[in-house]
Amino acid sequence: MLSSVRRFFKFIHWLYLQYLLNTALYMLEPWERVLFTTLLFAIISTAVYSALVFLPVHVRSMIQTYS
């Protein structure tokens, strides 16, 4: 069981390194990384919240209009 937990954390670490490489965050200082990641999280969470709250209303409205 310990090896599977270790493998899981190794995979999470690998994903984090891929995130740093794909967004070129490895060149920034730690405080800049935190700022960028916080802003990115805020933007994505706002988009997801808006989609969950407002999209069903618009879809229902479209279904009623075109039915």
PDB file of N, CA and C in Angstrom:
ATOM      1  N   MET A   1       0.819  -1.189   0.000  1.00  0.00           N
ATOM      2  CA  MET A   1       0.000   0.000   0.000  1.00  0.00           C
ATOM      3  C   MET A   1       0.866   1.256   0.000  1.00  0.00           C
ATOM      4  N   LEU A   2       1.974   1.208   0.695  1.00  0.00           N
ATOM      5  CA  LEU A   2       2.858   2.367   0.770  1.00  0.00           C
ATOM      6  C   LEU A   2       3.423   2.713  -0.605  1.00  0.00           C
ATOM      7  N   SER A   3       3.706   1.691  -1.405  1.00  0.00           N
ATOM      8  CA  SER A   3       4.261   1.961  -2.730  1.00  0.00           C
ATOM      9  C   SER A   3       3.213   2.608  -3.643  1.00  0.00           C
ATOM     10  N   SER A   4       1.950   2.231  -3.481  1.00  0.00           N
ATOM     11  CA  SER A   4       0.918   2.851  -4.316  1.00  0.00           C
ATOM     12  C   SER A   4       0.694   4.307  -3.917  1.00  0.00           C
ATOM     13  N   VAL A   5       0.789   4.611  -2.624  1.00  0.00           N
ATOM     14  CA  VAL A   5       0.671   5.998  -2.171  1.00  0.00           C
ATOM     15  C   VAL A   5       1.853   6.804  -2.690  1.00  0.00           C
ATOM     16  N   ARG A   6       3.019   6.233  -2.600  1.00  0.00           N
ATOM     17  CA  ARG A   6       4.223   6.911  -3.092  1.00  0.00           C
ATOM     18  C   ARG A   6       4.125   7.143  -4.603  1.00  0.00           C
ATOM     19  N   ARG A   7       3.608   6.154  -5.317  1.00  0.00           N
ATOM     20  CA  ARG A   7       3.440   6.283  -6.767  1.00  0.00           C
ATOM     21  C   ARG A   7       2.424   7.378  -7.101  1.00  0.00           C
ATOM     22  N   PHE A   8       1.366   7.478  -6.295  1.00  0.00           N
ATOM     23  CA  PHE A   8       0.357   8.521  -6.503  1.00  0.00           C
ATOM     24  C   PHE A   8       0.971   9.913  -6.324  1.00  0.00           C
ATOM     25  N   PHE A   9       1.745  10.107  -5.244  1.00  0.00           N
ATOM     26  CA  PHE A   9       2.372  11.402  -5.008  1.00  0.00           C
ATOM     27  C   PHE A   9       3.424  11.715  -6.061  1.00  0.00           C
ATOM     28  N   LYS A  10       4.088  10.695  -6.549  1.00  0.00           N
ATOM     29  CA  LYS A  10       5.052  10.892  -7.628  1.00  0.00           C
ATOM     30  C   LYS A  10       4.340  11.351  -8.898  1.00  0.00           C
ATOM     31  N   PHE A  11       3.176  10.786  -9.170  1.00  0.00           N
ATOM     32  CA  PHE A  11       2.384  11.183 -10.331  1.00  0.00           C
ATOM     33  C   PHE A  11       1.880  12.619 -10.187  1.00  0.00           C
ATOM     34  N   ILE A  12       1.433  13.006  -8.987  1.00  0.00           N
ATOM     35  CA  ILE A  12       0.998  14.376  -8.738  1.00  0.00           C
ATOM     36  C   ILE A  12       2.161  15.340  -8.922  1.00  0.00           C
ATOM     37  N   HIS A  13       3.326  14.963  -8.447  1.00  0.00           N
ATOM     38  CA  HIS A  13       4.512  15.793  -8.630  1.00  0.00           C
ATOM     39  C   HIS A  13       4.845  15.938 -10.114  1.00  0.00           C
ATOM     40  N   TRP A  14       4.727  14.860 -10.865  1.00  0.00           N
ATOM     41  CA  TRP A  14       4.969  14.902 -12.305  1.00  0.00           C
ATOM     42  C   TRP A  14       3.969  15.832 -12.986  1.00  0.00           C
ATOM     43  N   LEU A  15       2.690  15.776 -12.596  1.00  0.00           N
ATOM     44  CA  LEU A  15       1.697  16.686 -13.164  1.00  0.00           C
ATOM     45  C   LEU A  15       2.023  18.139 -12.844  1.00  0.00           C
ATOM     46  N   TYR A  16       2.482  18.401 -11.629  1.00  0.00           N
ATOM     47  CA  TYR A  16       2.862  19.758 -11.248  1.00  0.00           C
ATOM     48  C   TYR A  16       4.033  20.251 -12.096  1.00  0.00           C
ATOM     49  N   LEU A  17       5.014  19.394 -12.314  1.00  0.00           N
ATOM     50  CA  LEU A  17       6.145  19.784 -13.155  1.00  0.00           C
ATOM     51  C   LEU A  17       5.700  20.041 -14.596  1.00  0.00           C
ATOM     52  N   GLN A  18       4.769  19.252 -15.098  1.00  0.00           N
ATOM     53  CA  GLN A  18       4.227  19.497 -16.440  1.00  0.00           C
ATOM     54  C   GLN A  18       3.501  20.830 -16.505  1.00  0.00           C
ATOM     55  N   TYR A  19       2.759  21.154 -15.456  1.00  0.00           N
ATOM     56  CA  TYR A  19       2.072  22.447 -15.362  1.00  0.00           C
ATOM     57  C   TYR A  19       3.083  23.587 -15.408  1.00  0.00           C
ATOM     58  N   LEU A  20       4.181  23.446 -14.654  1.00  0.00           N
ATOM     59  CA  LEU A  20       5.204  24.486 -14.654  1.00  0.00           C
ATOM     60  C   LEU A  20       5.861  24.624 -16.021  1.00  0.00           C
ATOM     61  N   LEU A  21       6.123  23.518 -16.674  1.00  0.00           N
ATOM     62  CA  LEU A  21       6.773  23.573 -17.981  1.00  0.00           C
ATOM     63  C   LEU A  21       5.847  24.122 -19.060  1.00  0.00           C
ATOM     64  N   ASN A  22       4.605  23.697 -19.078  1.00  0.00           N
ATOM     65  CA  ASN A  22       3.687  24.122 -20.129  1.00  0.00           C
ATOM     66  C   ASN A  22       3.290  25.579 -20.017  1.00  0.00           C
ATOM     67  N   THR A  23       3.287  26.113 -18.820  1.00  0.00           N
ATOM     68  CA  THR A  23       2.927  27.513 -18.638  1.00  0.00           C
ATOM     69  C   THR A  23       4.154  28.401 -18.470  1.00  0.00           C
ATOM     70  N   ALA A  24       5.348  27.839 -18.552  1.00  0.00           N
ATOM     71  CA  ALA A  24       6.622  28.552 -18.397  1.00  0.00           C
ATOM     72  C   ALA A  24       6.735  29.221 -17.036  1.00  0.00           C
ATOM     73  N   LEU A  25       6.095  28.655 -16.026  1.00  0.00           N
ATOM     74  CA  LEU A  25       6.176  29.213 -14.680  1.00  0.00           C
ATOM     75  C   LEU A  25       7.483  28.871 -13.985  1.00  0.00           C
ATOM     76  N   TYR A  26       8.235  27.931 -14.508  1.00  0.00           N
ATOM     77  CA  TYR A  26       9.487  27.547 -13.865  1.00  0.00           C
ATOM     78  C   TYR A  26      10.497  28.696 -13.890  1.00  0.00           C
ATOM     79  N   MET A  27      10.287  29.687 -14.772  1.00  0.00           N
ATOM     80  CA  MET A  27      11.209  30.825 -14.853  1.00  0.00           C
ATOM     81  C   MET A  27      10.900  31.906 -13.820  1.00  0.00           C
ATOM     82  N   LEU A  28       9.719  31.857 -13.221  1.00  0.00           N
ATOM     83  CA  LEU A  28       9.308  32.904 -12.301  1.00  0.00           C
ATOM     84  C   LEU A  28       9.788  32.620 -10.881  1.00  0.00           C
ATOM     85  N   GLU A  29       9.758  33.670 -10.079  1.00  0.00           N
ATOM     86  CA  GLU A  29      10.068  33.505  -8.663  1.00  0.00           C
ATOM     87  C   GLU A  29       8.875  32.879  -7.960  1.00  0.00           C
ATOM     88  N   PRO A  30       9.070  32.299  -6.779  1.00  0.00           N
ATOM     89  CA  PRO A  30       7.967  31.613  -6.093  1.00  0.00           C
ATOM     90  C   PRO A  30       6.750  32.501  -5.833  1.00  0.00           C
ATOM     91  N   TRP A  31       6.940  33.755  -5.450  1.00  0.00           N
ATOM     92  CA  TRP A  31       5.788  34.616  -5.177  1.00  0.00           C
ATOM     93  C   TRP A  31       5.032  34.932  -6.465  1.00  0.00           C
ATOM     94  N   GLU A  32       5.735  35.001  -7.598  1.00  0.00           N
ATOM     95  CA  GLU A  32       5.066  35.243  -8.877  1.00  0.00           C
ATOM     96  C   GLU A  32       4.260  34.017  -9.304  1.00  0.00           C
ATOM     97  N   ARG A  33       4.824  32.838  -9.021  1.00  0.00           N
ATOM     98  CA  ARG A  33       4.091  31.603  -9.313  1.00  0.00           C
ATOM     99  C   ARG A  33       2.794  31.523  -8.526  1.00  0.00           C
ATOM    100  N   VAL A  34       2.859  31.868  -7.248  1.00  0.00           N
ATOM    101  CA  VAL A  34       1.669  31.824  -6.399  1.00  0.00           C
ATOM    102  C   VAL A  34       0.632  32.820  -6.894  1.00  0.00           C
ATOM    103  N   LEU A  35       1.072  34.009  -7.257  1.00  0.00           N
ATOM    104  CA  LEU A  35       0.155  35.025  -7.769  1.00  0.00           C
ATOM    105  C   LEU A  35      -0.509  34.562  -9.054  1.00  0.00           C
ATOM    106  N   PHE A  36       0.270  34.029  -9.990  1.00  0.00           N
ATOM    107  CA  PHE A  36      -0.283  33.548 -11.259  1.00  0.00           C
ATOM    108  C   PHE A  36      -1.253  32.396 -11.031  1.00  0.00           C
ATOM    109  N   THR A  37      -0.872  31.449 -10.196  1.00  0.00           N
ATOM    110  CA  THR A  37      -1.733  30.297  -9.938  1.00  0.00           C
ATOM    111  C   THR A  37      -3.030  30.722  -9.254  1.00  0.00           C
ATOM    112  N   THR A  38      -2.949  31.683  -8.342  1.00  0.00           N
ATOM    113  CA  THR A  38      -4.150  32.182  -7.663  1.00  0.00           C
ATOM    114  C   THR A  38      -5.084  32.861  -8.651  1.00  0.00           C
ATOM    115  N   LEU A  39      -4.539  33.684  -9.516  1.00  0.00           N
ATOM    116  CA  LEU A  39      -5.375  34.356 -10.519  1.00  0.00           C
ATOM    117  C   LEU A  39      -5.986  33.351 -11.485  1.00  0.00           C
ATOM    118  N   LEU A  40      -5.199  32.368 -11.897  1.00  0.00           N
ATOM    119  CA  LEU A  40      -5.714  31.342 -12.803  1.00  0.00           C
ATOM    120  C   LEU A  40      -6.840  30.553 -12.143  1.00  0.00           C
ATOM    121  N   PHE A  41      -6.661  30.190 -10.881  1.00  0.00           N
ATOM    122  CA  PHE A  41      -7.699  29.468 -10.148  1.00  0.00           C
ATOM    123  C   PHE A  41      -8.962  30.311 -10.003  1.00  0.00           C
ATOM    124  N   ALA A  42      -8.795  31.610  -9.735  1.00  0.00           N
ATOM    125  CA  ALA A  42      -9.949  32.496  -9.596  1.00  0.00           C
ATOM    126  C   ALA A  42     -10.720  32.610 -10.913  1.00  0.00           C
ATOM    127  N   ILE A  43     -10.017  32.721 -12.017  1.00  0.00           N
ATOM    128  CA  ILE A  43     -10.670  32.836 -13.316  1.00  0.00           C
ATOM    129  C   ILE A  43     -11.397  31.545 -13.678  1.00  0.00           C
ATOM    130  N   ILE A  44     -10.747  30.413 -13.472  1.00  0.00           N
ATOM    131  CA  ILE A  44     -11.371  29.124 -13.813  1.00  0.00           C
ATOM    132  C   ILE A  44     -12.556  28.838 -12.909  1.00  0.00           C
ATOM    133  N   SER A  45     -12.428  29.124 -11.612  1.00  0.00           N
ATOM    134  CA  SER A  45     -13.549  28.859 -10.708  1.00  0.00           C
ATOM    135  C   SER A  45     -14.726  29.787 -11.006  1.00  0.00           C
ATOM    136  N   THR A  46     -14.461  31.028 -11.394  1.00  0.00           N
ATOM    137  CA  THR A  46     -15.544  31.933 -11.778  1.00  0.00           C
ATOM    138  C   THR A  46     -16.246  31.438 -13.031  1.00  0.00           C
ATOM    139  N   ALA A  47     -15.493  30.956 -13.993  1.00  0.00           N
ATOM    140  CA  ALA A  47     -16.084  30.432 -15.224  1.00  0.00           C
ATOM    141  C   ALA A  47     -16.927  29.191 -14.948  1.00  0.00           C
ATOM    142  N   VAL A  48     -16.427  28.299 -14.112  1.00  0.00           N
ATOM    143  CA  VAL A  48     -17.181  27.079 -13.781  1.00  0.00           C
ATOM    144  C   VAL A  48     -18.451  27.433 -13.013  1.00  0.00           C
ATOM    145  N   TYR A  49     -18.353  28.337 -12.052  1.00  0.00           N
ATOM    146  CA  TYR A  49     -19.525  28.760 -11.294  1.00  0.00           C
ATOM    147  C   TYR A  49     -20.566  29.384 -12.213  1.00  0.00           C
ATOM    148  N   SER A  50     -20.135  30.253 -13.103  1.00  0.00           N
ATOM    149  CA  SER A  50     -21.071  30.899 -14.023  1.00  0.00           C
ATOM    150  C   SER A  50     -21.736  29.883 -14.934  1.00  0.00           C
ATOM    151  N   ALA A  51     -20.963  28.915 -15.397  1.00  0.00           N
ATOM    152  CA  ALA A  51     -21.534  27.882 -16.257  1.00  0.00           C
ATOM    153  C   ALA A  51     -22.556  27.039 -15.504  1.00  0.00           C
ATOM    154  N   LEU A  52     -22.275  26.711 -14.253  1.00  0.00           N
ATOM    155  CA  LEU A  52     -23.208  25.890 -13.484  1.00  0.00           C
ATOM    156  C   LEU A  52     -24.480  26.645 -13.103  1.00  0.00           C
ATOM    157  N   VAL A  53     -24.373  27.948 -12.905  1.00  0.00           N
ATOM    158  CA  VAL A  53     -25.525  28.725 -12.469  1.00  0.00           C
ATOM    159  C   VAL A  53     -26.359  29.206 -13.648  1.00  0.00           C
ATOM    160  N   PHE A  54     -25.726  29.745 -14.670  1.00  0.00           N
ATOM    161  CA  PHE A  54     -26.467  30.415 -15.731  1.00  0.00           C
ATOM    162  C   PHE A  54     -26.727  29.554 -16.955  1.00  0.00           C
ATOM    163  N   LEU A  55     -25.894  28.576 -17.233  1.00  0.00           N
ATOM    164  CA  LEU A  55     -26.078  27.765 -18.434  1.00  0.00           C
ATOM    165  C   LEU A  55     -27.380  26.975 -18.436  1.00  0.00           C
ATOM    166  N   PRO A  56     -27.788  26.334 -17.339  1.00  0.00           N
ATOM    167  CA  PRO A  56     -29.061  25.610 -17.378  1.00  0.00           C
ATOM    168  C   PRO A  56     -30.261  26.511 -17.699  1.00  0.00           C
ATOM    169  N   VAL A  57     -30.241  27.740 -17.207  1.00  0.00           N
ATOM    170  CA  VAL A  57     -31.339  28.664 -17.484  1.00  0.00           C
ATOM    171  C   VAL A  57     -31.389  28.969 -18.975  1.00  0.00           C
ATOM    172  N   HIS A  58     -30.256  29.217 -19.582  1.00  0.00           N
ATOM    173  CA  HIS A  58     -30.216  29.537 -21.004  1.00  0.00           C
ATOM    174  C   HIS A  58     -30.588  28.325 -21.857  1.00  0.00           C
ATOM    175  N   VAL A  59     -30.139  27.153 -21.466  1.00  0.00           N
ATOM    176  CA  VAL A  59     -30.483  25.943 -22.219  1.00  0.00           C
ATOM    177  C   VAL A  59     -31.984  25.688 -22.143  1.00  0.00           C
ATOM    178  N   ARG A  60     -32.569  25.830 -20.949  1.00  0.00           N
ATOM    179  CA  ARG A  60     -34.003  25.657 -20.785  1.00  0.00           C
ATOM    180  C   ARG A  60     -34.765  26.677 -21.637  1.00  0.00           C
ATOM    181  N   SER A  61     -34.299  27.895 -21.673  1.00  0.00           N
ATOM    182  CA  SER A  61     -34.926  28.946 -22.474  1.00  0.00           C
ATOM    183  C   SER A  61     -34.845  28.611 -23.960  1.00  0.00           C
ATOM    184  N   MET A  62     -33.703  28.106 -24.401  1.00  0.00           N
ATOM    185  CA  MET A  62     -33.571  27.736 -25.811  1.00  0.00           C
ATOM    186  C   MET A  62     -34.462  26.565 -26.165  1.00  0.00           C
ATOM    187  N   ILE A  63     -34.567  25.601 -25.275  1.00  0.00           N
ATOM    188  CA  ILE A  63     -35.418  24.430 -25.536  1.00  0.00           C
ATOM    189  C   ILE A  63     -36.876  24.872 -25.649  1.00  0.00           C
ATOM    190  N   GLN A  64     -37.334  25.772 -24.783  1.00  0.00           N
ATOM    191  CA  GLN A  64     -38.691  26.259 -24.860  1.00  0.00           C
ATOM    192  C   GLN A  64     -38.930  27.093 -26.114  1.00  0.00           C
ATOM    193  N   THR A  65     -37.945  27.842 -26.537  1.00  0.00           N
ATOM    194  CA  THR A  65     -38.090  28.695 -27.716  1.00  0.00           C
ATOM    195  C   THR A  65     -38.169  27.862 -28.988  1.00  0.00           C
ATOM    196  N   TYR A  66     -37.326  26.861 -29.121  1.00  0.00           N
ATOM    197  CA  TYR A  66     -37.246  26.099 -30.364  1.00  0.00           C
ATOM    198  C   TYR A  66     -38.073  24.817 -30.354  1.00  0.00           C
ATOM    199  N   SER A  67     -38.857  24.599 -29.325  1.00  0.00           N
ATOM    200  CA  SER A  67     -39.711  23.394 -29.293  1.00  0.00           C
ATOM    201  C   SER A  67     -41.111  23.718 -29.717  1.00  0.00           C
TER     202      SER A  67
END
